[in-house]
Amino acid sequence: MQRSIYASLLALSLIWGGSFFFIKILLEDFGPLGIAFMRAVFGFLFITAFMLVMRKPFGLRQIPWVPALSIAIVNMSMPWALIAYSETRLASSLASVLNATTPLWTMLVGLLFFGAVFTRVQWAGMSVAFIGIVVLIGLTPNATMSVDLYGAILMIFATLCYAVGSQLTKRFLNGLSVYQMTFSSLLGGMLGSGLLAFSLEEVPLQAVFRLPAFGSLIGLGLLGSGVAYILFNHILRNGSPELATSVTYLIPATAMIWGYTLLDEPIGWNLGAGLVLILGGVFLASRNIGRDKLGQKQA
């Protein structure tokens, strides 16, 4: 089980590594709320078709719909819209660093409100991984002097939404299958973001069929929401909220790898050094989590 969790973490980081790029493209045609709605639509269509083809039971009566839909708004609709808004004001590199604070917020929320207990090694591991992000991006004090404060606040609120949403999912939806969790979450995300989008923005549905937008929605919606949340919920259900959200540490690295592979963008020594710190920190932070989960399954 541990190997499948780490494999899912790596696959998830590769998928979400292109998310910021896809959002930038979609902002040319859609507003932030429209992007949140459309990615939820594409993700929901995928998980529905997948469950039908693979004959996975929907178990609609088993799903606690009030918690599921409420969590979806906190864990999808709100952060997706906030991230899209923040990307209108922040460079992608800084957005990646702020997004990578998610695991630390998840630990803090778990400690304060969900009775979670963490060791010093776990706190140290998360801190080392965050330092790895700073090294990876090459962030300097001078680079932060001109940061748009409003954009940074929006991104921080998005990470807080992810932190709270992940803890709530683990608490209230853990009895569902990974596919039920993904189905109910994307349905709630689609309804919540759709209500906001059509109330507050003009959503140009005809733009969906333009090639750049359609390709980006496949990447962000079908892969980045449908496939990705199956992987995310697998990690969350069999690991912990802290381990699941630690994927945000790997996303900047995979984004650089995609840039090098597809766009021939140069990468330097900081990719290797940052990755060593990130992977080492995530490993340290997840050691006790892994033992606890295995112990519970054997008990």
C-alpha atoms as a PDB file:
ATOM      1  CA  MET A   1       0.000   0.000   0.000  1.00  0.00           C
ATOM      2  CA  GLN A   2       2.827   2.405   0.834  1.00  0.00           C
ATOM      3  CA  ARG A   3       4.324   1.989  -2.640  1.00  0.00           C
ATOM      4  CA  SER A   4       0.994   2.754  -4.296  1.00  0.00           C
ATOM      5  CA  ILE A   5       0.643   5.904  -2.181  1.00  0.00           C
ATOM      6  CA  TYR A   6       4.059   7.229  -3.188  1.00  0.00           C
ATOM      7  CA  ALA A   7       3.478   6.261  -6.845  1.00  0.00           C
ATOM      8  CA  SER A   8       0.161   8.142  -6.730  1.00  0.00           C
ATOM      9  CA  LEU A   9       1.912  11.145  -5.176  1.00  0.00           C
ATOM     10  CA  LEU A  10       4.450  11.239  -8.009  1.00  0.00           C
ATOM     11  CA  ALA A  11       1.794  10.784 -10.717  1.00  0.00           C
ATOM     12  CA  LEU A  12      -0.354  13.485  -9.139  1.00  0.00           C
ATOM     13  CA  SER A  13       2.548  15.945  -9.074  1.00  0.00           C
ATOM     14  CA  LEU A  14       3.206  15.284 -12.776  1.00  0.00           C
ATOM     15  CA  ILE A  15      -0.440  15.965 -13.639  1.00  0.00           C
ATOM     16  CA  TRP A  16      -0.770  19.076 -11.479  1.00  0.00           C
ATOM     17  CA  GLY A  17       2.625  20.371 -12.638  1.00  0.00           C
ATOM     18  CA  GLY A  18       0.924  21.829 -15.695  1.00  0.00           C
ATOM     19  CA  SER A  19      -2.071  23.315 -13.886  1.00  0.00           C
ATOM     20  CA  PHE A  20      -0.738  26.863 -13.581  1.00  0.00           C
ATOM     21  CA  PHE A  21       0.130  26.844 -17.285  1.00  0.00           C
ATOM     22  CA  PHE A  22      -3.378  25.718 -18.264  1.00  0.00           C
ATOM     23  CA  ILE A  23      -4.983  28.333 -16.009  1.00  0.00           C
ATOM     24  CA  LYS A  24      -2.931  31.091 -17.654  1.00  0.00           C
ATOM     25  CA  ILE A  25      -4.214  30.013 -21.088  1.00  0.00           C
ATOM     26  CA  LEU A  26      -7.839  29.775 -19.949  1.00  0.00           C
ATOM     27  CA  LEU A  27      -7.743  33.263 -18.417  1.00  0.00           C
ATOM     28  CA  GLU A  28      -7.690  34.590 -21.989  1.00  0.00           C
ATOM     29  CA  ASP A  29     -11.269  33.344 -22.501  1.00  0.00           C
ATOM     30  CA  PHE A  30     -12.769  32.768 -19.045  1.00  0.00           C
ATOM     31  CA  GLY A  31     -12.938  34.551 -15.729  1.00  0.00           C
ATOM     32  CA  PRO A  32     -11.606  32.831 -12.593  1.00  0.00           C
ATOM     33  CA  LEU A  33     -15.048  31.543 -11.590  1.00  0.00           C
ATOM     34  CA  GLY A  34     -15.695  30.283 -15.103  1.00  0.00           C
ATOM     35  CA  ILE A  35     -12.417  28.348 -15.037  1.00  0.00           C
ATOM     36  CA  ALA A  36     -13.361  26.743 -11.722  1.00  0.00           C
ATOM     37  CA  PHE A  37     -16.747  25.746 -13.164  1.00  0.00           C
ATOM     38  CA  MET A  38     -15.435  24.362 -16.456  1.00  0.00           C
ATOM     39  CA  ARG A  39     -12.671  22.286 -14.848  1.00  0.00           C
ATOM     40  CA  ALA A  40     -15.269  20.805 -12.488  1.00  0.00           C
ATOM     41  CA  VAL A  41     -17.564  19.999 -15.445  1.00  0.00           C
ATOM     42  CA  PHE A  42     -14.811  18.203 -17.361  1.00  0.00           C
ATOM     43  CA  GLY A  43     -13.692  16.378 -14.224  1.00  0.00           C
ATOM     44  CA  PHE A  44     -17.254  15.331 -13.357  1.00  0.00           C
ATOM     45  CA  LEU A  45     -17.924  14.039 -16.876  1.00  0.00           C
ATOM     46  CA  PHE A  46     -14.736  11.988 -16.708  1.00  0.00           C
ATOM     47  CA  ILE A  47     -15.383  10.371 -13.314  1.00  0.00           C
ATOM     48  CA  THR A  48     -18.995   9.598 -14.287  1.00  0.00           C
ATOM     49  CA  ALA A  49     -17.956   7.955 -17.562  1.00  0.00           C
ATOM     50  CA  PHE A  50     -15.096   6.115 -15.839  1.00  0.00           C
ATOM     51  CA  MET A  51     -17.363   4.660 -13.154  1.00  0.00           C
ATOM     52  CA  LEU A  52     -19.924   3.565 -15.755  1.00  0.00           C
ATOM     53  CA  VAL A  53     -17.344   1.909 -18.019  1.00  0.00           C
ATOM     54  CA  MET A  54     -15.451   0.256 -15.152  1.00  0.00           C
ATOM     55  CA  ARG A  55     -18.744  -0.660 -13.416  1.00  0.00           C
ATOM     56  CA  LYS A  56     -17.794   1.031 -10.185  1.00  0.00           C
ATOM     57  CA  PRO A  57     -20.838   1.367  -7.890  1.00  0.00           C
ATOM     58  CA  PHE A  58     -22.071   4.908  -7.368  1.00  0.00           C
ATOM     59  CA  GLY A  59     -23.792   4.006  -4.080  1.00  0.00           C
ATOM     60  CA  LEU A  60     -25.709   7.286  -4.102  1.00  0.00           C
ATOM     61  CA  ARG A  61     -27.590   6.414  -0.917  1.00  0.00           C
ATOM     62  CA  GLN A  62     -24.334   5.758   0.933  1.00  0.00           C
ATOM     63  CA  ILE A  63     -22.955   9.239   0.255  1.00  0.00           C
ATOM     64  CA  PRO A  64     -23.560  11.780   3.055  1.00  0.00           C
ATOM     65  CA  TRP A  65     -24.631  14.457   0.617  1.00  0.00           C
ATOM     66  CA  VAL A  66     -24.757  17.501   2.893  1.00  0.00           C
ATOM     67  CA  PRO A  67     -21.156  17.074   4.147  1.00  0.00           C
ATOM     68  CA  ALA A  68     -19.963  15.961   0.686  1.00  0.00           C
ATOM     69  CA  LEU A  69     -21.371  18.972  -1.164  1.00  0.00           C
ATOM     70  CA  SER A  70     -20.260  21.389   1.558  1.00  0.00           C
ATOM     71  CA  ILE A  71     -16.726  19.982   1.537  1.00  0.00           C
ATOM     72  CA  ALA A  72     -16.621  20.225  -2.258  1.00  0.00           C
ATOM     73  CA  ILE A  73     -17.260  23.972  -2.075  1.00  0.00           C
ATOM     74  CA  VAL A  74     -14.447  24.409   0.452  1.00  0.00           C
ATOM     75  CA  ASN A  75     -12.018  21.996  -1.210  1.00  0.00           C
ATOM     76  CA  MET A  76     -12.710  22.762  -4.876  1.00  0.00           C
ATOM     77  CA  SER A  77     -14.959  25.694  -5.809  1.00  0.00           C
ATOM     78  CA  MET A  78     -13.376  28.258  -3.501  1.00  0.00           C
ATOM     79  CA  PRO A  79      -9.658  27.430  -3.896  1.00  0.00           C
ATOM     80  CA  TRP A  80      -9.910  26.933  -7.661  1.00  0.00           C
ATOM     81  CA  ALA A  81     -11.461  30.374  -8.084  1.00  0.00           C
ATOM     82  CA  LEU A  82      -8.992  31.986  -5.645  1.00  0.00           C
ATOM     83  CA  ILE A  83      -5.994  30.466  -7.442  1.00  0.00           C
ATOM     84  CA  ALA A  84      -7.264  31.695 -10.803  1.00  0.00           C
ATOM     85  CA  TYR A  85      -7.786  35.199  -9.368  1.00  0.00           C
ATOM     86  CA  SER A  86      -4.303  35.166  -7.815  1.00  0.00           C
ATOM     87  CA  GLU A  87      -2.730  34.178 -11.140  1.00  0.00           C
ATOM     88  CA  THR A  88      -3.981  37.440 -12.637  1.00  0.00           C
ATOM     89  CA  ARG A  89      -1.667  39.248 -10.187  1.00  0.00           C
ATOM     90  CA  LEU A  90       1.206  36.863  -9.367  1.00  0.00           C
ATOM     91  CA  ALA A  91       4.062  35.275 -11.278  1.00  0.00           C
ATOM     92  CA  SER A  92       3.677  31.501 -11.587  1.00  0.00           C
ATOM     93  CA  SER A  93       6.905  30.885  -9.650  1.00  0.00           C
ATOM     94  CA  LEU A  94       5.712  32.824  -6.607  1.00  0.00           C
ATOM     95  CA  ALA A  95       2.244  31.266  -6.897  1.00  0.00           C
ATOM     96  CA  SER A  96       3.922  27.842  -6.731  1.00  0.00           C
ATOM     97  CA  VAL A  97       5.822  28.774  -3.564  1.00  0.00           C
ATOM     98  CA  LEU A  98       2.697  30.093  -1.832  1.00  0.00           C
ATOM     99  CA  ASN A  99       0.739  27.043  -2.973  1.00  0.00           C
ATOM    100  CA  ALA A 100       3.433  24.864  -1.377  1.00  0.00           C
ATOM    101  CA  THR A 101       2.499  26.171   2.082  1.00  0.00           C
ATOM    102  CA  THR A 102      -0.584  23.904   1.895  1.00  0.00           C
ATOM    103  CA  PRO A 103       0.927  20.946   3.837  1.00  0.00           C
ATOM    104  CA  LEU A 104       2.052  23.236   6.656  1.00  0.00           C
ATOM    105  CA  TRP A 105      -1.428  24.766   6.910  1.00  0.00           C
ATOM    106  CA  THR A 106      -2.917  21.261   6.789  1.00  0.00           C
ATOM    107  CA  MET A 107      -0.795  20.195   9.749  1.00  0.00           C
ATOM    108  CA  LEU A 108      -1.696  23.355  11.678  1.00  0.00           C
ATOM    109  CA  VAL A 109      -5.438  22.960  10.975  1.00  0.00           C
ATOM    110  CA  GLY A 110      -5.236  19.293  11.983  1.00  0.00           C
ATOM    111  CA  LEU A 111      -3.428  20.198  15.197  1.00  0.00           C
ATOM    112  CA  LEU A 112      -5.815  23.000  16.210  1.00  0.00           C
ATOM    113  CA  PHE A 113      -9.192  21.620  15.145  1.00  0.00           C
ATOM    114  CA  PHE A 114      -8.992  17.887  14.403  1.00  0.00           C
ATOM    115  CA  GLY A 115      -6.949  16.516  17.283  1.00  0.00           C
ATOM    116  CA  ALA A 116      -4.005  15.523  15.101  1.00  0.00           C
ATOM    117  CA  VAL A 117      -0.663  14.871  16.791  1.00  0.00           C
ATOM    118  CA  PHE A 118       2.659  15.344  15.000  1.00  0.00           C
ATOM    119  CA  THR A 119       6.228  14.598  16.016  1.00  0.00           C
ATOM    120  CA  ARG A 120       9.154  16.987  15.796  1.00  0.00           C
ATOM    121  CA  VAL A 121      10.505  14.884  12.942  1.00  0.00           C
ATOM    122  CA  GLN A 122       7.318  15.465  10.947  1.00  0.00           C
ATOM    123  CA  TRP A 123       7.419  19.226  11.526  1.00  0.00           C
ATOM    124  CA  ALA A 124      11.110  19.255  10.604  1.00  0.00           C
ATOM    125  CA  GLY A 125      10.401  17.235   7.471  1.00  0.00           C
ATOM    126  CA  MET A 126       7.730  19.649   6.262  1.00  0.00           C
ATOM    127  CA  SER A 127      10.023  22.611   6.984  1.00  0.00           C
ATOM    128  CA  VAL A 128      12.930  21.041   5.083  1.00  0.00           C
ATOM    129  CA  ALA A 129      10.626  20.358   2.133  1.00  0.00           C
ATOM    130  CA  PHE A 130       9.484  23.986   2.100  1.00  0.00           C
ATOM    131  CA  ILE A 131      13.109  25.170   2.132  1.00  0.00           C
ATOM    132  CA  GLY A 132      13.588  22.886  -0.850  1.00  0.00           C
ATOM    133  CA  ILE A 133      10.819  24.782  -2.659  1.00  0.00           C
ATOM    134  CA  VAL A 134      12.590  28.105  -2.055  1.00  0.00           C
ATOM    135  CA  VAL A 135      15.865  26.628  -3.356  1.00  0.00           C
ATOM    136  CA  LEU A 136      14.089  25.075  -6.340  1.00  0.00           C
ATOM    137  CA  ILE A 137      12.419  28.307  -7.397  1.00  0.00           C
ATOM    138  CA  GLY A 138      15.459  30.407  -6.559  1.00  0.00           C
ATOM    139  CA  LEU A 139      13.349  32.860  -4.580  1.00  0.00           C
ATOM    140  CA  THR A 140      15.339  35.742  -3.126  1.00  0.00           C
ATOM    141  CA  PRO A 141      14.411  38.602  -0.738  1.00  0.00           C
ATOM    142  CA  ASN A 142      14.621  41.054  -3.645  1.00  0.00           C
ATOM    143  CA  ALA A 143      12.154  38.946  -5.629  1.00  0.00           C
ATOM    144  CA  THR A 144       9.539  39.285  -2.901  1.00  0.00           C
ATOM    145  CA  MET A 145       9.747  43.075  -2.574  1.00  0.00           C
ATOM    146  CA  SER A 146       7.387  43.714  -5.495  1.00  0.00           C
ATOM    147  CA  VAL A 147       4.862  41.006  -4.625  1.00  0.00           C
ATOM    148  CA  ASP A 148       1.243  41.957  -5.174  1.00  0.00           C
ATOM    149  CA  LEU A 149      -0.152  41.699  -1.643  1.00  0.00           C
ATOM    150  CA  TYR A 150      -3.735  41.107  -2.759  1.00  0.00           C
ATOM    151  CA  GLY A 151      -2.679  38.269  -5.067  1.00  0.00           C
ATOM    152  CA  ALA A 152      -0.582  36.691  -2.314  1.00  0.00           C
ATOM    153  CA  ILE A 153      -3.490  36.858   0.167  1.00  0.00           C
ATOM    154  CA  LEU A 154      -5.798  35.172  -2.347  1.00  0.00           C
ATOM    155  CA  MET A 155      -3.317  32.316  -2.800  1.00  0.00           C
ATOM    156  CA  ILE A 156      -2.881  31.889   0.955  1.00  0.00           C
ATOM    157  CA  PHE A 157      -6.661  31.703   1.398  1.00  0.00           C
ATOM    158  CA  ALA A 158      -6.751  29.054  -1.337  1.00  0.00           C
ATOM    159  CA  THR A 159      -4.177  26.948   0.518  1.00  0.00           C
ATOM    160  CA  LEU A 160      -6.186  27.325   3.729  1.00  0.00           C
ATOM    161  CA  CYS A 161      -9.261  26.060   1.879  1.00  0.00           C
ATOM    162  CA  TYR A 162      -7.308  23.011   0.732  1.00  0.00           C
ATOM    163  CA  ALA A 163      -6.052  22.434   4.277  1.00  0.00           C
ATOM    164  CA  VAL A 164      -9.526  22.578   5.831  1.00  0.00           C
ATOM    165  CA  GLY A 165     -11.128  20.648   2.969  1.00  0.00           C
ATOM    166  CA  SER A 166      -8.598  17.823   3.164  1.00  0.00           C
ATOM    167  CA  GLN A 167      -9.109  17.411   6.898  1.00  0.00           C
ATOM    168  CA  LEU A 168     -12.906  17.463   6.499  1.00  0.00           C
ATOM    169  CA  THR A 169     -12.745  14.900   3.688  1.00  0.00           C
ATOM    170  CA  LYS A 170     -10.680  12.560   5.841  1.00  0.00           C
ATOM    171  CA  ARG A 171     -13.081  13.024   8.762  1.00  0.00           C
ATOM    172  CA  PHE A 172     -16.468  12.750   7.013  1.00  0.00           C
ATOM    173  CA  LEU A 173     -15.949  10.925   3.699  1.00  0.00           C
ATOM    174  CA  ASN A 174     -13.324   8.326   4.540  1.00  0.00           C
ATOM    175  CA  GLY A 175     -15.932   5.539   4.564  1.00  0.00           C
ATOM    176  CA  LEU A 176     -16.616   6.024   0.844  1.00  0.00           C
ATOM    177  CA  SER A 177     -14.671   4.483  -2.004  1.00  0.00           C
ATOM    178  CA  VAL A 178     -12.094   6.639  -3.784  1.00  0.00           C
ATOM    179  CA  TYR A 179     -14.455   6.866  -6.765  1.00  0.00           C
ATOM    180  CA  GLN A 180     -17.472   7.886  -4.659  1.00  0.00           C
ATOM    181  CA  MET A 181     -15.352  10.554  -2.970  1.00  0.00           C
ATOM    182  CA  THR A 182     -14.238  11.918  -6.343  1.00  0.00           C
ATOM    183  CA  PHE A 183     -17.726  11.743  -7.887  1.00  0.00           C
ATOM    184  CA  SER A 184     -19.473  13.548  -5.016  1.00  0.00           C
ATOM    185  CA  SER A 185     -16.703  16.141  -4.695  1.00  0.00           C
ATOM    186  CA  LEU A 186     -16.690  17.038  -8.383  1.00  0.00           C
ATOM    187  CA  LEU A 187     -20.498  17.180  -8.448  1.00  0.00           C
ATOM    188  CA  GLY A 188     -20.448  19.587  -5.520  1.00  0.00           C
ATOM    189  CA  GLY A 189     -17.597  21.570  -7.040  1.00  0.00           C
ATOM    190  CA  MET A 190     -19.500  21.872 -10.319  1.00  0.00           C
ATOM    191  CA  LEU A 191     -22.716  23.032  -8.643  1.00  0.00           C
ATOM    192  CA  GLY A 192     -21.002  25.487  -6.299  1.00  0.00           C
ATOM    193  CA  SER A 193     -18.670  27.067  -8.845  1.00  0.00           C
ATOM    194  CA  GLY A 194     -21.407  27.073 -11.489  1.00  0.00           C
ATOM    195  CA  LEU A 195     -23.768  29.015  -9.242  1.00  0.00           C
ATOM    196  CA  LEU A 196     -21.064  31.607  -8.556  1.00  0.00           C
ATOM    197  CA  ALA A 197     -19.831  31.777 -12.150  1.00  0.00           C
ATOM    198  CA  PHE A 198     -23.215  32.363 -13.776  1.00  0.00           C
ATOM    199  CA  SER A 199     -24.225  34.830 -11.046  1.00  0.00           C
ATOM    200  CA  LEU A 200     -21.079  36.970 -11.045  1.00  0.00           C
ATOM    201  CA  GLU A 201     -19.403  36.481 -14.426  1.00  0.00           C
ATOM    202  CA  GLU A 202     -20.186  36.046 -18.076  1.00  0.00           C
ATOM    203  CA  VAL A 203     -19.242  32.469 -19.007  1.00  0.00           C
ATOM    204  CA  PRO A 204     -18.550  32.268 -22.772  1.00  0.00           C
ATOM    205  CA  LEU A 205     -19.465  28.619 -23.359  1.00  0.00           C
ATOM    206  CA  GLN A 206     -18.640  28.926 -27.070  1.00  0.00           C
ATOM    207  CA  ALA A 207     -14.986  29.441 -26.102  1.00  0.00           C
ATOM    208  CA  VAL A 208     -14.851  25.824 -24.904  1.00  0.00           C
ATOM    209  CA  PHE A 209     -14.618  24.664 -28.514  1.00  0.00           C
ATOM    210  CA  ARG A 210     -11.624  26.828 -29.383  1.00  0.00           C
ATOM    211  CA  LEU A 211      -8.536  24.655 -29.637  1.00  0.00           C
ATOM    212  CA  PRO A 212      -6.309  26.322 -26.979  1.00  0.00           C
ATOM    213  CA  ALA A 213      -9.143  26.465 -24.443  1.00  0.00           C
ATOM    214  CA  PHE A 214     -10.395  22.940 -25.179  1.00  0.00           C
ATOM    215  CA  GLY A 215      -6.915  21.468 -24.866  1.00  0.00           C
ATOM    216  CA  SER A 216      -6.357  23.322 -21.599  1.00  0.00           C
ATOM    217  CA  LEU A 217      -9.685  22.084 -20.224  1.00  0.00           C
ATOM    218  CA  ILE A 218      -8.696  18.527 -21.095  1.00  0.00           C
ATOM    219  CA  GLY A 219      -5.446  19.065 -19.189  1.00  0.00           C
ATOM    220  CA  LEU A 220      -6.956  20.969 -16.269  1.00  0.00           C
ATOM    221  CA  GLY A 221     -10.396  19.369 -16.087  1.00  0.00           C
ATOM    222  CA  LEU A 222     -10.234  15.794 -17.310  1.00  0.00           C
ATOM    223  CA  LEU A 223      -6.688  15.072 -16.116  1.00  0.00           C
ATOM    224  CA  GLY A 224      -6.140  17.735 -13.444  1.00  0.00           C
ATOM    225  CA  SER A 225      -9.540  17.268 -11.800  1.00  0.00           C
ATOM    226  CA  GLY A 226     -10.929  13.872 -12.816  1.00  0.00           C
ATOM    227  CA  VAL A 227      -7.853  11.643 -12.849  1.00  0.00           C
ATOM    228  CA  ALA A 228      -5.970  13.755 -10.310  1.00  0.00           C
ATOM    229  CA  TYR A 229      -8.660  13.600  -7.635  1.00  0.00           C
ATOM    230  CA  ILE A 230      -8.869   9.825  -7.901  1.00  0.00           C
ATOM    231  CA  LEU A 231      -5.147   9.800  -7.062  1.00  0.00           C
ATOM    232  CA  PHE A 232      -5.492  12.514  -4.410  1.00  0.00           C
ATOM    233  CA  ASN A 233      -8.369  10.749  -2.665  1.00  0.00           C
ATOM    234  CA  HIS A 234      -6.454   7.460  -2.779  1.00  0.00           C
ATOM    235  CA  ILE A 235      -3.574   9.116  -0.905  1.00  0.00           C
ATOM    236  CA  LEU A 236      -5.971  10.875   1.456  1.00  0.00           C
ATOM    237  CA  ARG A 237      -7.986   7.752   2.238  1.00  0.00           C
ATOM    238  CA  ASN A 238      -5.022   5.413   2.735  1.00  0.00           C
ATOM    239  CA  GLY A 239      -2.501   7.934   4.049  1.00  0.00           C
ATOM    240  CA  SER A 240      -3.299  11.293   5.601  1.00  0.00           C
ATOM    241  CA  PRO A 241      -4.356  14.848   4.674  1.00  0.00           C
ATOM    242  CA  GLU A 242      -0.794  16.023   5.371  1.00  0.00           C
ATOM    243  CA  LEU A 243       0.742  13.470   3.026  1.00  0.00           C
ATOM    244  CA  ALA A 244      -1.847  14.117   0.306  1.00  0.00           C
ATOM    245  CA  THR A 245      -1.299  17.884   0.338  1.00  0.00           C
ATOM    246  CA  SER A 246       2.498  17.419   0.305  1.00  0.00           C
ATOM    247  CA  VAL A 247       2.091  16.977  -3.451  1.00  0.00           C
ATOM    248  CA  THR A 248       2.254  20.775  -3.642  1.00  0.00           C
ATOM    249  CA  TYR A 249       5.947  20.507  -2.738  1.00  0.00           C
ATOM    250  CA  LEU A 250       6.595  18.466  -5.882  1.00  0.00           C
ATOM    251  CA  ILE A 251       4.475  20.498  -8.308  1.00  0.00           C
ATOM    252  CA  PRO A 252       7.079  23.260  -9.002  1.00  0.00           C
ATOM    253  CA  ALA A 253       9.690  20.589  -9.746  1.00  0.00           C
ATOM    254  CA  THR A 254       7.449  18.687 -12.160  1.00  0.00           C
ATOM    255  CA  ALA A 255       6.456  21.991 -13.797  1.00  0.00           C
ATOM    256  CA  MET A 256      10.156  22.635 -14.452  1.00  0.00           C
ATOM    257  CA  ILE A 257      10.580  19.121 -15.832  1.00  0.00           C
ATOM    258  CA  TRP A 258       7.619  19.613 -18.181  1.00  0.00           C
ATOM    259  CA  GLY A 259       9.078  22.950 -19.284  1.00  0.00           C
ATOM    260  CA  TYR A 260      12.427  21.330 -20.033  1.00  0.00           C
ATOM    261  CA  THR A 261      10.855  18.367 -21.843  1.00  0.00           C
ATOM    262  CA  LEU A 262       8.213  20.155 -23.905  1.00  0.00           C
ATOM    263  CA  LEU A 263       9.468  23.725 -24.216  1.00  0.00           C
ATOM    264  CA  ASP A 264      13.236  23.178 -24.013  1.00  0.00           C
ATOM    265  CA  GLU A 265      13.427  25.564 -21.058  1.00  0.00           C
ATOM    266  CA  PRO A 266      16.783  25.504 -19.243  1.00  0.00           C
ATOM    267  CA  ILE A 267      17.069  24.071 -15.747  1.00  0.00           C
ATOM    268  CA  GLY A 268      19.937  24.571 -13.326  1.00  0.00           C
ATOM    269  CA  TRP A 269      21.549  23.039 -10.267  1.00  0.00           C
ATOM    270  CA  ASN A 270      18.706  24.251  -8.073  1.00  0.00           C
ATOM    271  CA  LEU A 271      16.339  21.620  -9.530  1.00  0.00           C
ATOM    272  CA  GLY A 272      18.474  18.770  -8.214  1.00  0.00           C
ATOM    273  CA  ALA A 273      19.248  20.446  -4.881  1.00  0.00           C
ATOM    274  CA  GLY A 274      15.648  21.458  -4.334  1.00  0.00           C
ATOM    275  CA  LEU A 275      14.349  18.004  -5.215  1.00  0.00           C
ATOM    276  CA  VAL A 276      16.721  16.336  -2.745  1.00  0.00           C
ATOM    277  CA  LEU A 277      15.456  18.607   0.049  1.00  0.00           C
ATOM    278  CA  ILE A 278      11.811  18.201  -0.966  1.00  0.00           C
ATOM    279  CA  LEU A 279      11.879  14.415  -1.264  1.00  0.00           C
ATOM    280  CA  GLY A 280      13.903  14.067   1.923  1.00  0.00           C
ATOM    281  CA  GLY A 281      11.510  16.355   3.806  1.00  0.00           C
ATOM    282  CA  VAL A 282       8.389  14.570   2.538  1.00  0.00           C
ATOM    283  CA  PHE A 283       9.931  11.209   3.461  1.00  0.00           C
ATOM    284  CA  LEU A 284      10.682  12.377   6.994  1.00  0.00           C
ATOM    285  CA  ALA A 285       7.241  13.942   7.410  1.00  0.00           C
ATOM    286  CA  SER A 286       5.446  10.802   6.226  1.00  0.00           C
ATOM    287  CA  ARG A 287       7.411   8.168   8.149  1.00  0.00           C
ATOM    288  CA  ASN A 288       5.239   8.129  11.258  1.00  0.00           C
ATOM    289  CA  ILE A 289       2.104   8.592   9.175  1.00  0.00           C
ATOM    290  CA  GLY A 290       2.973   5.504   7.202  1.00  0.00           C
ATOM    291  CA  ARG A 291       3.647   3.424  10.326  1.00  0.00           C
ATOM    292  CA  ASP A 292       0.382   4.547  11.941  1.00  0.00           C
ATOM    293  CA  LYS A 293      -1.680   3.630   8.891  1.00  0.00           C
ATOM    294  CA  LEU A 294      -0.047   0.231   8.500  1.00  0.00           C
ATOM    295  CA  GLY A 295      -0.478  -0.419  12.209  1.00  0.00           C
ATOM    296  CA  GLN A 296      -4.156   0.428  12.032  1.00  0.00           C
ATOM    297  CA  LYS A 297      -4.698  -1.913   9.068  1.00  0.00           C
ATOM    298  CA  GLN A 298      -2.925  -4.776  10.828  1.00  0.00           C
ATOM    299  CA  ALA A 299      -4.777  -4.267  14.117  1.00  0.00           C
END
